[in-house]
Amino acid sequence: MEREDCFHALCRCTLAKELWHAMARDWNISRVEEVVNTGSEWLFSLLEPLDEDTRMIVLMTLWRVWHVRNEITHEKKPPPTEASRRFLQGYINSLLCIKQHPKADMEKGKMVVLGPQQCSAARAAPKEDRRWIPPGRASTKLNTDGSYVPATGASGGGMILRDDPP
């Protein structure tokens, strides 16, 4: 039987494993079964090879696992795994948005947030010159856009209708 220590609480308890699995569906993090208890330095061994954003996702997952554990310890009902996953998804997306768009107006919420793997690809991709072309004289133009994230089911869309009076 495994000793009940921090490693056990964060990586081997049933609810901890459920949350790790749920987070691994959305983010490219290690499978919890691959996390090895190397002794008192296990957490450093886990985090050291990760890039900054993935490290943040793993730490946020561990933080939430600890929160769930505390709820149980204090005889409260633990939140459902899906609620924890959605909470972390929103929190992580907000942090990535702030990091990627530090001067953006957060109230408008029109920024595209890239995950850790997407960021390096986006930096390497050449920038395409895509300027909006206004409608011709005495005409109307409708621009639409939308996106869908299959992993989470999140979607969004918008439109702008503009006319150029005669």
Foldseek 3Di string as FASTA:
>chain_A
DDDDDLLCLCQPDPLNLLLQVLLVLVAVADRSVPQDCPDPCSLVVRQVVDDPLRSVLSVLSSVLSVVQVVCVVVVHHGDDSVVSNVVSVVVSQVVQCCVVCVPDDVVVVPDDGDGPVVVVVVVPDDDDDDDDDADDAADKDKDKDKDADVSVRDIDMDMDIDGHYD
